[in-house]
Full PDB file with SEQRES, HELIX, SHEET, SSBOND, CRYST1, ORIGX, SCALE, CONECT and MASTER records, all heavy atoms in Angstrom:
SEQRES   1 A   35  HIS THR PHE VAL ASP PRO ARG GLN LEU GLY ALA ARG GLN          
SEQRES   2 A   35  SER PRO SER ALA ARG GLU ASP LEU VAL GLU LEU LEU GLU          
SEQRES   3 A   35  VAL ASP GLY GLU GLU TRP LEU ARG PHE                          
SHEET    1 AA1 2 GLU A  23  VAL A  27  0                                        
SHEET    2 AA1 2 GLU A  30  ARG A  34 -1                                        
CRYST1    1.000    1.000    1.000  90.00  90.00  90.00 P 1           1          
ORIGX1      1.000000  0.000000  0.000000        0.00000                         
ORIGX2      0.000000  1.000000  0.000000        0.00000                         
ORIGX3      0.000000  0.000000  1.000000        0.00000                         
SCALE1      1.000000  0.000000  0.000000        0.00000                         
SCALE2      0.000000  1.000000  0.000000        0.00000                         
SCALE3      0.000000  0.000000  1.000000        0.00000                         
ATOM      1  N   HIS A   1     -43.281 -10.513   4.096  1.00  0.00           N  
ATOM      2  CA  HIS A   1     -42.558  -9.434   4.776  1.00  0.00           C  
ATOM      3  C   HIS A   1     -43.352  -8.128   4.826  1.00  0.00           C  
ATOM      4  O   HIS A   1     -42.771  -7.047   4.942  1.00  0.00           O  
ATOM      5  CB  HIS A   1     -41.186  -9.206   4.134  1.00  0.00           C  
ATOM      6  CG  HIS A   1     -40.357 -10.446   4.042  1.00  0.00           C  
ATOM      7  ND1 HIS A   1     -39.869 -11.089   5.162  1.00  0.00           N  
ATOM      8  CD2 HIS A   1     -39.969 -11.191   2.971  1.00  0.00           C  
ATOM      9  CE1 HIS A   1     -39.186 -12.166   4.780  1.00  0.00           C  
ATOM     10  NE2 HIS A   1     -39.243 -12.259   3.455  1.00  0.00           N  
ATOM     11  N   THR A   2     -44.683  -8.227   4.709  1.00  0.00           N  
ATOM     12  CA  THR A   2     -45.563  -7.084   4.935  1.00  0.00           C  
ATOM     13  C   THR A   2     -46.485  -7.422   6.105  1.00  0.00           C  
ATOM     14  O   THR A   2     -46.422  -8.517   6.667  1.00  0.00           O  
ATOM     15  CB  THR A   2     -46.416  -6.764   3.695  1.00  0.00           C  
ATOM     16  OG1 THR A   2     -47.405  -7.794   3.535  1.00  0.00           O  
ATOM     17  CG2 THR A   2     -45.550  -6.689   2.436  1.00  0.00           C  
ATOM     18  N   PHE A   3     -47.376  -6.512   6.449  1.00  0.00           N  
ATOM     19  CA  PHE A   3     -48.284  -6.783   7.565  1.00  0.00           C  
ATOM     20  C   PHE A   3     -49.251  -7.920   7.251  1.00  0.00           C  
ATOM     21  O   PHE A   3     -49.905  -8.457   8.139  1.00  0.00           O  
ATOM     22  CB  PHE A   3     -49.051  -5.514   7.962  1.00  0.00           C  
ATOM     23  CG  PHE A   3     -50.301  -5.255   7.165  1.00  0.00           C  
ATOM     24  CD1 PHE A   3     -51.548  -5.613   7.653  1.00  0.00           C  
ATOM     25  CD2 PHE A   3     -50.224  -4.648   5.912  1.00  0.00           C  
ATOM     26  CE1 PHE A   3     -52.694  -5.377   6.919  1.00  0.00           C  
ATOM     27  CE2 PHE A   3     -51.361  -4.407   5.178  1.00  0.00           C  
ATOM     28  CZ  PHE A   3     -52.599  -4.770   5.682  1.00  0.00           C  
ATOM     29  N   VAL A   4     -49.334  -8.326   5.977  1.00  0.00           N  
ATOM     30  CA  VAL A   4     -50.163  -9.467   5.584  1.00  0.00           C  
ATOM     31  C   VAL A   4     -49.523 -10.784   6.015  1.00  0.00           C  
ATOM     32  O   VAL A   4     -50.211 -11.775   6.254  1.00  0.00           O  
ATOM     33  CB  VAL A   4     -50.383  -9.445   4.054  1.00  0.00           C  
ATOM     34  CG1 VAL A   4     -51.160 -10.651   3.579  1.00  0.00           C  
ATOM     35  CG2 VAL A   4     -51.100  -8.155   3.648  1.00  0.00           C  
ATOM     36  N   ASP A   5     -48.220 -10.802   6.120  1.00  0.00           N  
ATOM     37  CA  ASP A   5     -47.454 -11.978   6.518  1.00  0.00           C  
ATOM     38  C   ASP A   5     -47.885 -12.408   7.924  1.00  0.00           C  
ATOM     39  O   ASP A   5     -48.002 -11.569   8.819  1.00  0.00           O  
ATOM     40  CB  ASP A   5     -45.960 -11.612   6.513  1.00  0.00           C  
ATOM     41  CG  ASP A   5     -45.026 -12.809   6.598  1.00  0.00           C  
ATOM     42  OD1 ASP A   5     -45.255 -13.671   7.464  1.00  0.00           O  
ATOM     43  OD2 ASP A   5     -44.047 -12.862   5.825  1.00  0.00           O  
ATOM     44  N   PRO A   6     -48.147 -13.694   8.147  1.00  0.00           N  
ATOM     45  CA  PRO A   6     -48.579 -14.130   9.488  1.00  0.00           C  
ATOM     46  C   PRO A   6     -47.533 -13.884  10.570  1.00  0.00           C  
ATOM     47  O   PRO A   6     -47.871 -13.871  11.758  1.00  0.00           O  
ATOM     48  CB  PRO A   6     -48.863 -15.628   9.311  1.00  0.00           C  
ATOM     49  CG  PRO A   6     -48.114 -16.027   8.084  1.00  0.00           C  
ATOM     50  CD  PRO A   6     -48.105 -14.819   7.197  1.00  0.00           C  
ATOM     51  N   ARG A   7     -46.291 -13.653  10.193  1.00  0.00           N  
ATOM     52  CA  ARG A   7     -45.268 -13.313  11.181  1.00  0.00           C  
ATOM     53  C   ARG A   7     -45.394 -11.868  11.647  1.00  0.00           C  
ATOM     54  O   ARG A   7     -44.747 -11.480  12.623  1.00  0.00           O  
ATOM     55  CB  ARG A   7     -43.869 -13.560  10.576  1.00  0.00           C  
ATOM     56  CG  ARG A   7     -43.561 -15.031  10.336  1.00  0.00           C  
ATOM     57  CD  ARG A   7     -42.322 -15.225   9.506  1.00  0.00           C  
ATOM     58  NE  ARG A   7     -42.499 -14.752   8.122  1.00  0.00           N  
ATOM     59  CZ  ARG A   7     -41.633 -14.960   7.139  1.00  0.00           C  
ATOM     60  NH1 ARG A   7     -40.507 -15.644   7.394  1.00  0.00           N  
ATOM     61  NH2 ARG A   7     -41.856 -14.515   5.917  1.00  0.00           N  
ATOM     62  N   GLN A   8     -46.198 -11.082  10.954  1.00  0.00           N  
ATOM     63  CA  GLN A   8     -46.514  -9.731  11.396  1.00  0.00           C  
ATOM     64  C   GLN A   8     -47.966  -9.714  11.901  1.00  0.00           C  
ATOM     65  O   GLN A   8     -48.235 -10.158  13.006  1.00  0.00           O  
ATOM     66  CB  GLN A   8     -46.247  -8.730  10.274  1.00  0.00           C  
ATOM     67  CG  GLN A   8     -44.752  -8.649   9.914  1.00  0.00           C  
ATOM     68  CD  GLN A   8     -44.417  -7.513   8.974  1.00  0.00           C  
ATOM     69  OE1 GLN A   8     -45.109  -6.483   8.911  1.00  0.00           O  
ATOM     70  NE2 GLN A   8     -43.332  -7.668   8.222  1.00  0.00           N  
ATOM     71  N   LEU A   9     -48.911  -9.244  11.105  1.00  0.00           N  
ATOM     72  CA  LEU A   9     -50.298  -9.125  11.573  1.00  0.00           C  
ATOM     73  C   LEU A   9     -51.252 -10.100  10.893  1.00  0.00           C  
ATOM     74  O   LEU A   9     -52.416 -10.198  11.295  1.00  0.00           O  
ATOM     75  CB  LEU A   9     -50.804  -7.696  11.361  1.00  0.00           C  
ATOM     76  CG  LEU A   9     -50.138  -6.602  12.196  1.00  0.00           C  
ATOM     77  CD1 LEU A   9     -50.635  -5.224  11.776  1.00  0.00           C  
ATOM     78  CD2 LEU A   9     -50.391  -6.829  13.674  1.00  0.00           C  
ATOM     79  N   GLY A  10     -50.798 -10.781   9.863  1.00  0.00           N  
ATOM     80  CA  GLY A  10     -51.704 -11.688   9.162  1.00  0.00           C  
ATOM     81  C   GLY A  10     -52.899 -10.987   8.557  1.00  0.00           C  
ATOM     82  O   GLY A  10     -53.987 -11.568   8.464  1.00  0.00           O  
ATOM     83  N   ALA A  11     -52.707  -9.708   8.150  1.00  0.00           N  
ATOM     84  CA  ALA A  11     -53.738  -8.886   7.497  1.00  0.00           C  
ATOM     85  C   ALA A  11     -54.833  -8.424   8.439  1.00  0.00           C  
ATOM     86  O   ALA A  11     -55.849  -7.873   7.996  1.00  0.00           O  
ATOM     87  CB  ALA A  11     -54.351  -9.610   6.304  1.00  0.00           C  
ATOM     88  N   ARG A  12     -54.675  -8.606   9.731  1.00  0.00           N  
ATOM     89  CA  ARG A  12     -55.710  -8.197  10.697  1.00  0.00           C  
ATOM     90  C   ARG A  12     -55.720  -6.686  10.895  1.00  0.00           C  
ATOM     91  O   ARG A  12     -54.684  -6.043  10.941  1.00  0.00           O  
ATOM     92  CB  ARG A  12     -55.480  -8.879  12.042  1.00  0.00           C  
ATOM     93  CG  ARG A  12     -55.594 -10.397  12.017  1.00  0.00           C  
ATOM     94  CD  ARG A  12     -55.188 -10.968  13.379  1.00  0.00           C  
ATOM     95  NE  ARG A  12     -55.346 -12.406  13.438  1.00  0.00           N  
ATOM     96  CZ  ARG A  12     -54.413 -13.281  13.034  1.00  0.00           C  
ATOM     97  NH1 ARG A  12     -53.260 -12.838  12.531  1.00  0.00           N  
ATOM     98  NH2 ARG A  12     -54.627 -14.574  13.133  1.00  0.00           N  
ATOM     99  N   GLN A  13     -56.932  -6.153  11.088  1.00  0.00           N  
ATOM    100  CA  GLN A  13     -57.093  -4.745  11.418  1.00  0.00           C  
ATOM    101  C   GLN A  13     -57.818  -4.534  12.743  1.00  0.00           C  
ATOM    102  O   GLN A  13     -57.909  -3.404  13.206  1.00  0.00           O  
ATOM    103  CB  GLN A  13     -57.860  -4.015  10.302  1.00  0.00           C  
ATOM    104  CG  GLN A  13     -57.127  -3.942   8.972  1.00  0.00           C  
ATOM    105  CD  GLN A  13     -55.913  -3.036   8.990  1.00  0.00           C  
ATOM    106  OE1 GLN A  13     -55.571  -2.440  10.018  1.00  0.00           O  
ATOM    107  NE2 GLN A  13     -55.226  -2.923   7.866  1.00  0.00           N  
ATOM    108  N   SER A  14     -58.321  -5.605  13.351  1.00  0.00           N  
ATOM    109  CA  SER A  14     -59.012  -5.462  14.644  1.00  0.00           C  
ATOM    110  C   SER A  14     -58.594  -6.595  15.575  1.00  0.00           C  
ATOM    111  O   SER A  14     -58.319  -7.712  15.123  1.00  0.00           O  
ATOM    112  CB  SER A  14     -60.534  -5.463  14.451  1.00  0.00           C  
ATOM    113  OG  SER A  14     -60.964  -6.675  13.857  1.00  0.00           O  
ATOM    114  N   PRO A  15     -58.548  -6.338  16.884  1.00  0.00           N  
ATOM    115  CA  PRO A  15     -58.126  -7.372  17.847  1.00  0.00           C  
ATOM    116  C   PRO A  15     -59.008  -8.613  17.837  1.00  0.00           C  
ATOM    117  O   PRO A  15     -58.527  -9.720  18.112  1.00  0.00           O  
ATOM    118  CB  PRO A  15     -58.214  -6.642  19.198  1.00  0.00           C  
ATOM    119  CG  PRO A  15     -58.083  -5.194  18.871  1.00  0.00           C  
ATOM    120  CD  PRO A  15     -58.757  -5.027  17.545  1.00  0.00           C  
ATOM    121  N   SER A  16     -60.287  -8.454  17.524  1.00  0.00           N  
ATOM    122  CA  SER A  16     -61.197  -9.600  17.544  1.00  0.00           C  
ATOM    123  C   SER A  16     -61.009 -10.534  16.357  1.00  0.00           C  
ATOM    124  O   SER A  16     -61.568 -11.634  16.336  1.00  0.00           O  
ATOM    125  CB  SER A  16     -62.654  -9.124  17.600  1.00  0.00           C  
ATOM    126  OG  SER A  16     -62.955  -8.328  16.463  1.00  0.00           O  
ATOM    127  N   ALA A  17     -60.209 -10.114  15.375  1.00  0.00           N  
ATOM    128  CA  ALA A  17     -59.943 -10.953  14.202  1.00  0.00           C  
ATOM    129  C   ALA A  17     -58.852 -11.956  14.572  1.00  0.00           C  
ATOM    130  O   ALA A  17     -57.668 -11.721  14.359  1.00  0.00           O  
ATOM    131  CB  ALA A  17     -59.517 -10.091  13.020  1.00  0.00           C  
ATOM    132  N   ARG A  18     -59.257 -13.083  15.126  1.00  0.00           N  
ATOM    133  CA  ARG A  18     -58.294 -14.042  15.674  1.00  0.00           C  
ATOM    134  C   ARG A  18     -57.998 -15.215  14.738  1.00  0.00           C  
ATOM    135  O   ARG A  18     -56.962 -15.854  14.849  1.00  0.00           O  
ATOM    136  CB  ARG A  18     -58.805 -14.576  17.014  1.00  0.00           C  
ATOM    137  CG  ARG A  18     -58.973 -13.477  18.062  1.00  0.00           C  
ATOM    138  CD  ARG A  18     -59.362 -14.046  19.421  1.00  0.00           C  
ATOM    139  NE  ARG A  18     -59.536 -12.983  20.399  1.00  0.00           N  
ATOM    140  CZ  ARG A  18     -60.692 -12.384  20.655  1.00  0.00           C  
ATOM    141  NH1 ARG A  18     -61.778 -12.753  19.986  1.00  0.00           N  
ATOM    142  NH2 ARG A  18     -60.776 -11.421  21.554  1.00  0.00           N  
ATOM    143  N   GLU A  19     -58.900 -15.518  13.834  1.00  0.00           N  
ATOM    144  CA  GLU A  19     -58.671 -16.656  12.945  1.00  0.00           C  
ATOM    145  C   GLU A  19     -57.521 -16.360  11.979  1.00  0.00           C  
ATOM    146  O   GLU A  19     -57.380 -15.247  11.479  1.00  0.00           O  
ATOM    147  CB  GLU A  19     -59.945 -16.968  12.147  1.00  0.00           C  
ATOM    148  CG  GLU A  19     -59.808 -18.204  11.269  1.00  0.00           C  
ATOM    149  CD  GLU A  19     -61.073 -18.526  10.496  1.00  0.00           C  
ATOM    150  OE1 GLU A  19     -62.109 -17.868  10.746  1.00  0.00           O  
ATOM    151  OE2 GLU A  19     -61.039 -19.427   9.644  1.00  0.00           O  
ATOM    152  N   ASP A  20     -56.701 -17.366  11.709  1.00  0.00           N  
ATOM    153  CA  ASP A  20     -55.604 -17.218  10.760  1.00  0.00           C  
ATOM    154  C   ASP A  20     -56.122 -17.481   9.350  1.00  0.00           C  
ATOM    155  O   ASP A  20     -56.486 -18.609   9.006  1.00  0.00           O  
ATOM    156  CB  ASP A  20     -54.473 -18.197  11.088  1.00  0.00           C  
ATOM    157  CG  ASP A  20     -53.811 -17.895  12.423  1.00  0.00           C  
ATOM    158  OD1 ASP A  20     -53.717 -16.714  12.779  1.00  0.00           O  
ATOM    159  OD2 ASP A  20     -53.395 -18.855  13.109  1.00  0.00           O  
ATOM    160  N   LEU A  21     -56.118 -16.446   8.510  1.00  0.00           N  
ATOM    161  CA  LEU A  21     -56.559 -16.598   7.126  1.00  0.00           C  
ATOM    162  C   LEU A  21     -55.399 -16.870   6.178  1.00  0.00           C  
ATOM    163  O   LEU A  21     -55.615 -17.181   5.006  1.00  0.00           O  
ATOM    164  CB  LEU A  21     -57.306 -15.342   6.661  1.00  0.00           C  
ATOM    165  CG  LEU A  21     -58.558 -14.947   7.442  1.00  0.00           C  
ATOM    166  CD1 LEU A  21     -59.297 -13.825   6.717  1.00  0.00           C  
ATOM    167  CD2 LEU A  21     -59.485 -16.137   7.664  1.00  0.00           C  
ATOM    168  N   VAL A  22     -54.173 -16.753   6.675  1.00  0.00           N  
ATOM    169  CA  VAL A  22     -52.990 -16.946   5.845  1.00  0.00           C  
ATOM    170  C   VAL A  22     -51.929 -17.659   6.660  1.00  0.00           C  
ATOM    171  O   VAL A  22     -51.807 -17.448   7.870  1.00  0.00           O  
ATOM    172  CB  VAL A  22     -52.469 -15.579   5.323  1.00  0.00           C  
ATOM    173  CG1 VAL A  22     -52.178 -14.616   6.456  1.00  0.00           C  
ATOM    174  CG2 VAL A  22     -51.230 -15.757   4.459  1.00  0.00           C  
ATOM    175  N   GLU A  23     -51.180 -18.548   5.996  1.00  0.00           N  
ATOM    176  CA  GLU A  23     -50.106 -19.262   6.678  1.00  0.00           C  
ATOM    177  C   GLU A  23     -48.847 -19.261   5.826  1.00  0.00           C  
ATOM    178  O   GLU A  23     -48.894 -19.103   4.604  1.00  0.00           O  
ATOM    179  CB  GLU A  23     -50.521 -20.699   6.991  1.00  0.00           C  
ATOM    180  CG  GLU A  23     -50.751 -21.575   5.774  1.00  0.00           C  
ATOM    181  CD  GLU A  23     -51.121 -23.009   6.140  1.00  0.00           C  
ATOM    182  OE1 GLU A  23     -51.229 -23.302   7.340  1.00  0.00           O  
ATOM    183  OE2 GLU A  23     -51.290 -23.827   5.210  1.00  0.00           O  
ATOM    184  N   LEU A  24     -47.696 -19.422   6.497  1.00  0.00           N  
ATOM    185  CA  LEU A  24     -46.399 -19.445   5.835  1.00  0.00           C  
ATOM    186  C   LEU A  24     -46.057 -20.868   5.435  1.00  0.00           C  
ATOM    187  O   LEU A  24     -46.209 -21.803   6.221  1.00  0.00           O  
ATOM    188  CB  LEU A  24     -45.331 -18.888   6.776  1.00  0.00           C  
ATOM    189  CG  LEU A  24     -43.909 -18.788   6.225  1.00  0.00           C  
ATOM    190  CD1 LEU A  24     -43.820 -17.717   5.143  1.00  0.00           C  
ATOM    191  CD2 LEU A  24     -42.930 -18.483   7.366  1.00  0.00           C  
ATOM    192  N   LEU A  25     -45.606 -21.030   4.193  1.00  0.00           N  
ATOM    193  CA  LEU A  25     -45.172 -22.326   3.690  1.00  0.00           C  
ATOM    194  C   LEU A  25     -43.732 -22.236   3.211  1.00  0.00           C  
ATOM    195  O   LEU A  25     -43.234 -21.154   2.893  1.00  0.00           O  
ATOM    196  CB  LEU A  25     -46.038 -22.775   2.499  1.00  0.00           C  
ATOM    197  CG  LEU A  25     -47.539 -22.950   2.685  1.00  0.00           C  
ATOM    198  CD1 LEU A  25     -48.159 -23.354   1.351  1.00  0.00           C  
ATOM    199  CD2 LEU A  25     -47.836 -23.991   3.747  1.00  0.00           C  
ATOM    200  N   GLU A  26     -43.062 -23.408   3.146  1.00  0.00           N  
ATOM    201  CA  GLU A  26     -41.761 -23.485   2.497  1.00  0.00           C  
ATOM    202  C   GLU A  26     -41.841 -24.540   1.404  1.00  0.00           C  
ATOM    203  O   GLU A  26     -42.198 -25.689   1.670  1.00  0.00           O  
ATOM    204  CB  GLU A  26     -40.651 -23.831   3.485  1.00  0.00           C  
ATOM    205  CG  GLU A  26     -39.265 -23.800   2.855  1.00  0.00           C  
ATOM    206  CD  GLU A  26     -38.152 -24.019   3.853  1.00  0.00           C  
ATOM    207  OE1 GLU A  26     -38.037 -23.217   4.806  1.00  0.00           O  
ATOM    208  OE2 GLU A  26     -37.394 -25.006   3.686  1.00  0.00           O  
ATOM    209  N   VAL A  27     -41.543 -24.146   0.191  1.00  0.00           N  
ATOM    210  CA  VAL A  27     -41.570 -25.054  -0.954  1.00  0.00           C  
ATOM    211  C   VAL A  27     -40.215 -24.971  -1.648  1.00  0.00           C  
ATOM    212  O   VAL A  27     -39.809 -23.887  -2.096  1.00  0.00           O  
ATOM    213  CB  VAL A  27     -42.701 -24.684  -1.943  1.00  0.00           C  
ATOM    214  CG1 VAL A  27     -42.701 -25.651  -3.116  1.00  0.00           C  
ATOM    215  CG2 VAL A  27     -44.047 -24.678  -1.243  1.00  0.00           C  
ATOM    216  N   ASP A  28     -39.516 -26.111  -1.717  1.00  0.00           N  
ATOM    217  CA  ASP A  28     -38.191 -26.152  -2.351  1.00  0.00           C  
ATOM    218  C   ASP A  28     -37.264 -25.086  -1.796  1.00  0.00           C  
ATOM    219  O   ASP A  28     -36.499 -24.440  -2.519  1.00  0.00           O  
ATOM    220  CB  ASP A  28     -38.315 -25.989  -3.871  1.00  0.00           C  
ATOM    221  CG  ASP A  28     -39.067 -27.135  -4.533  1.00  0.00           C  
ATOM    222  OD1 ASP A  28     -39.063 -28.244  -3.949  1.00  0.00           O  
ATOM    223  OD2 ASP A  28     -39.666 -26.927  -5.601  1.00  0.00           O  
ATOM    224  N   GLY A  29     -37.332 -24.891  -0.481  1.00  0.00           N  
ATOM    225  CA  GLY A  29     -36.443 -23.948   0.181  1.00  0.00           C  
ATOM    226  C   GLY A  29     -36.841 -22.497   0.079  1.00  0.00           C  
ATOM    227  O   GLY A  29     -36.129 -21.618   0.583  1.00  0.00           O  
ATOM    228  N   GLU A  30     -37.995 -22.197  -0.546  1.00  0.00           N  
ATOM    229  CA  GLU A  30     -38.458 -20.814  -0.686  1.00  0.00           C  
ATOM    230  C   GLU A  30     -39.721 -20.580   0.136  1.00  0.00           C  
ATOM    231  O   GLU A  30     -40.545 -21.477   0.278  1.00  0.00           O  
ATOM    232  CB  GLU A  30     -38.753 -20.482  -2.160  1.00  0.00           C  
ATOM    233  CG  GLU A  30     -37.530 -20.486  -3.045  1.00  0.00           C  
ATOM    234  CD  GLU A  30     -37.863 -19.989  -4.441  1.00  0.00           C  
ATOM    235  OE1 GLU A  30     -38.921 -19.341  -4.621  1.00  0.00           O  
ATOM    236  OE2 GLU A  30     -37.071 -20.251  -5.353  1.00  0.00           O  
ATOM    237  N   GLU A  31     -39.852 -19.366   0.651  1.00  0.00           N  
ATOM    238  CA  GLU A  31     -41.031 -19.004   1.434  1.00  0.00           C  
ATOM    239  C   GLU A  31     -42.195 -18.614   0.522  1.00  0.00           C  
ATOM    240  O   GLU A  31     -42.018 -17.917  -0.478  1.00  0.00           O  
ATOM    241  CB  GLU A  31     -40.709 -17.824   2.360  1.00  0.00           C  
ATOM    242  CG  GLU A  31     -39.743 -18.167   3.477  1.00  0.00           C  
ATOM    243  CD  GLU A  31     -39.491 -16.999   4.409  1.00  0.00           C  
ATOM    244  OE1 GLU A  31     -39.746 -15.827   3.992  1.00  0.00           O  
ATOM    245  OE2 GLU A  31     -39.058 -17.237   5.537  1.00  0.00           O  
ATOM    246  N   TRP A  32     -43.371 -19.088   0.885  1.00  0.00           N  
ATOM    247  CA  TRP A  32     -44.606 -18.754   0.190  1.00  0.00           C  
ATOM    248  C   TRP A  32     -45.696 -18.509   1.229  1.00  0.00           C  
ATOM    249  O   TRP A  32     -45.574 -18.937   2.388  1.00  0.00           O  
ATOM    250  CB  TRP A  32     -45.057 -19.896  -0.730  1.00  0.00           C  
ATOM    251  CG  TRP A  32     -44.117 -20.200  -1.850  1.00  0.00           C  
ATOM    252  CD1 TRP A  32     -42.957 -20.930  -1.777  1.00  0.00           C  
ATOM    253  CD2 TRP A  32     -44.236 -19.781  -3.210  1.00  0.00           C  
ATOM    254  NE1 TRP A  32     -42.358 -21.000  -3.010  1.00  0.00           N  
ATOM    255  CE2 TRP A  32     -43.125 -20.304  -3.917  1.00  0.00           C  
ATOM    256  CE3 TRP A  32     -45.191 -19.038  -3.908  1.00  0.00           C  
ATOM    257  CZ2 TRP A  32     -42.937 -20.088  -5.276  1.00  0.00           C  
ATOM    258  CZ3 TRP A  32     -45.011 -18.826  -5.270  1.00  0.00           C  
ATOM    259  CH2 TRP A  32     -43.887 -19.348  -5.939  1.00  0.00           C  
ATOM    260  N   LEU A  33     -46.747 -17.832   0.826  1.00  0.00           N  
ATOM    261  CA  LEU A  33     -47.926 -17.673   1.675  1.00  0.00           C  
ATOM    262  C   LEU A  33     -49.085 -18.456   1.072  1.00  0.00           C  
ATOM    263  O   LEU A  33     -49.267 -18.456  -0.149  1.00  0.00           O  
ATOM    264  CB  LEU A  33     -48.316 -16.200   1.812  1.00  0.00           C  
ATOM    265  CG  LEU A  33     -47.307 -15.279   2.493  1.00  0.00           C  
ATOM    266  CD1 LEU A  33     -47.847 -13.848   2.536  1.00  0.00           C  
ATOM    267  CD2 LEU A  33     -46.963 -15.765   3.897  1.00  0.00           C  
ATOM    268  N   ARG A  34     -49.860 -19.111   1.933  1.00  0.00           N  
ATOM    269  CA  ARG A  34     -51.098 -19.755   1.479  1.00  0.00           C  
ATOM    270  C   ARG A  34     -52.278 -19.037   2.100  1.00  0.00           C  
ATOM    271  O   ARG A  34     -52.437 -19.010   3.325  1.00  0.00           O  
ATOM    272  CB  ARG A  34     -51.151 -21.234   1.878  1.00  0.00           C  
ATOM    273  CG  ARG A  34     -52.452 -21.915   1.386  1.00  0.00           C  
ATOM    274  CD  ARG A  34     -52.496 -23.410   1.709  1.00  0.00           C  
ATOM    275  NE  ARG A  34     -52.867 -23.673   3.088  1.00  0.00           N  
ATOM    276  CZ  ARG A  34     -54.113 -23.935   3.508  1.00  0.00           C  
ATOM    277  NH1 ARG A  34     -55.107 -23.962   2.661  1.00  0.00           N  
ATOM    278  NH2 ARG A  34     -54.345 -24.185   4.786  1.00  0.00           N  
ATOM    279  N   PHE A  35     -53.101 -18.457   1.249  1.00  0.00           N  
ATOM    280  CA  PHE A  35     -54.331 -17.815   1.696  1.00  0.00           C  
ATOM    281  C   PHE A  35     -55.441 -18.855   1.628  1.00  0.00           C  
ATOM    282  O   PHE A  35     -55.693 -19.450   0.580  1.00  0.00           O  
ATOM    283  CB  PHE A  35     -54.652 -16.602   0.828  1.00  0.00           C  
ATOM    284  CG  PHE A  35     -53.666 -15.481   1.001  1.00  0.00           C  
ATOM    285  CD1 PHE A  35     -52.510 -15.430   0.242  1.00  0.00           C  
ATOM    286  CD2 PHE A  35     -53.879 -14.492   1.945  1.00  0.00           C  
ATOM    287  CE1 PHE A  35     -51.580 -14.415   0.403  1.00  0.00           C  
ATOM    288  CE2 PHE A  35     -52.961 -13.464   2.130  1.00  0.00           C  
ATOM    289  CZ  PHE A  35     -51.807 -13.420   1.357  1.00  0.00           C  
TER     290      PHE A  35                                                      
MASTER        0    0    0    0    2    0    0    6  289    1    0    3          
END                                                                             
């Protein structure tokens, strides 16, 4: 739920940064991030 979250900016600071370095996971019904 911060700009690091892939649902927001995925930690990007420039438009050319297109690769996804982080993804959203669900484990046992809870949200987690995988870097």
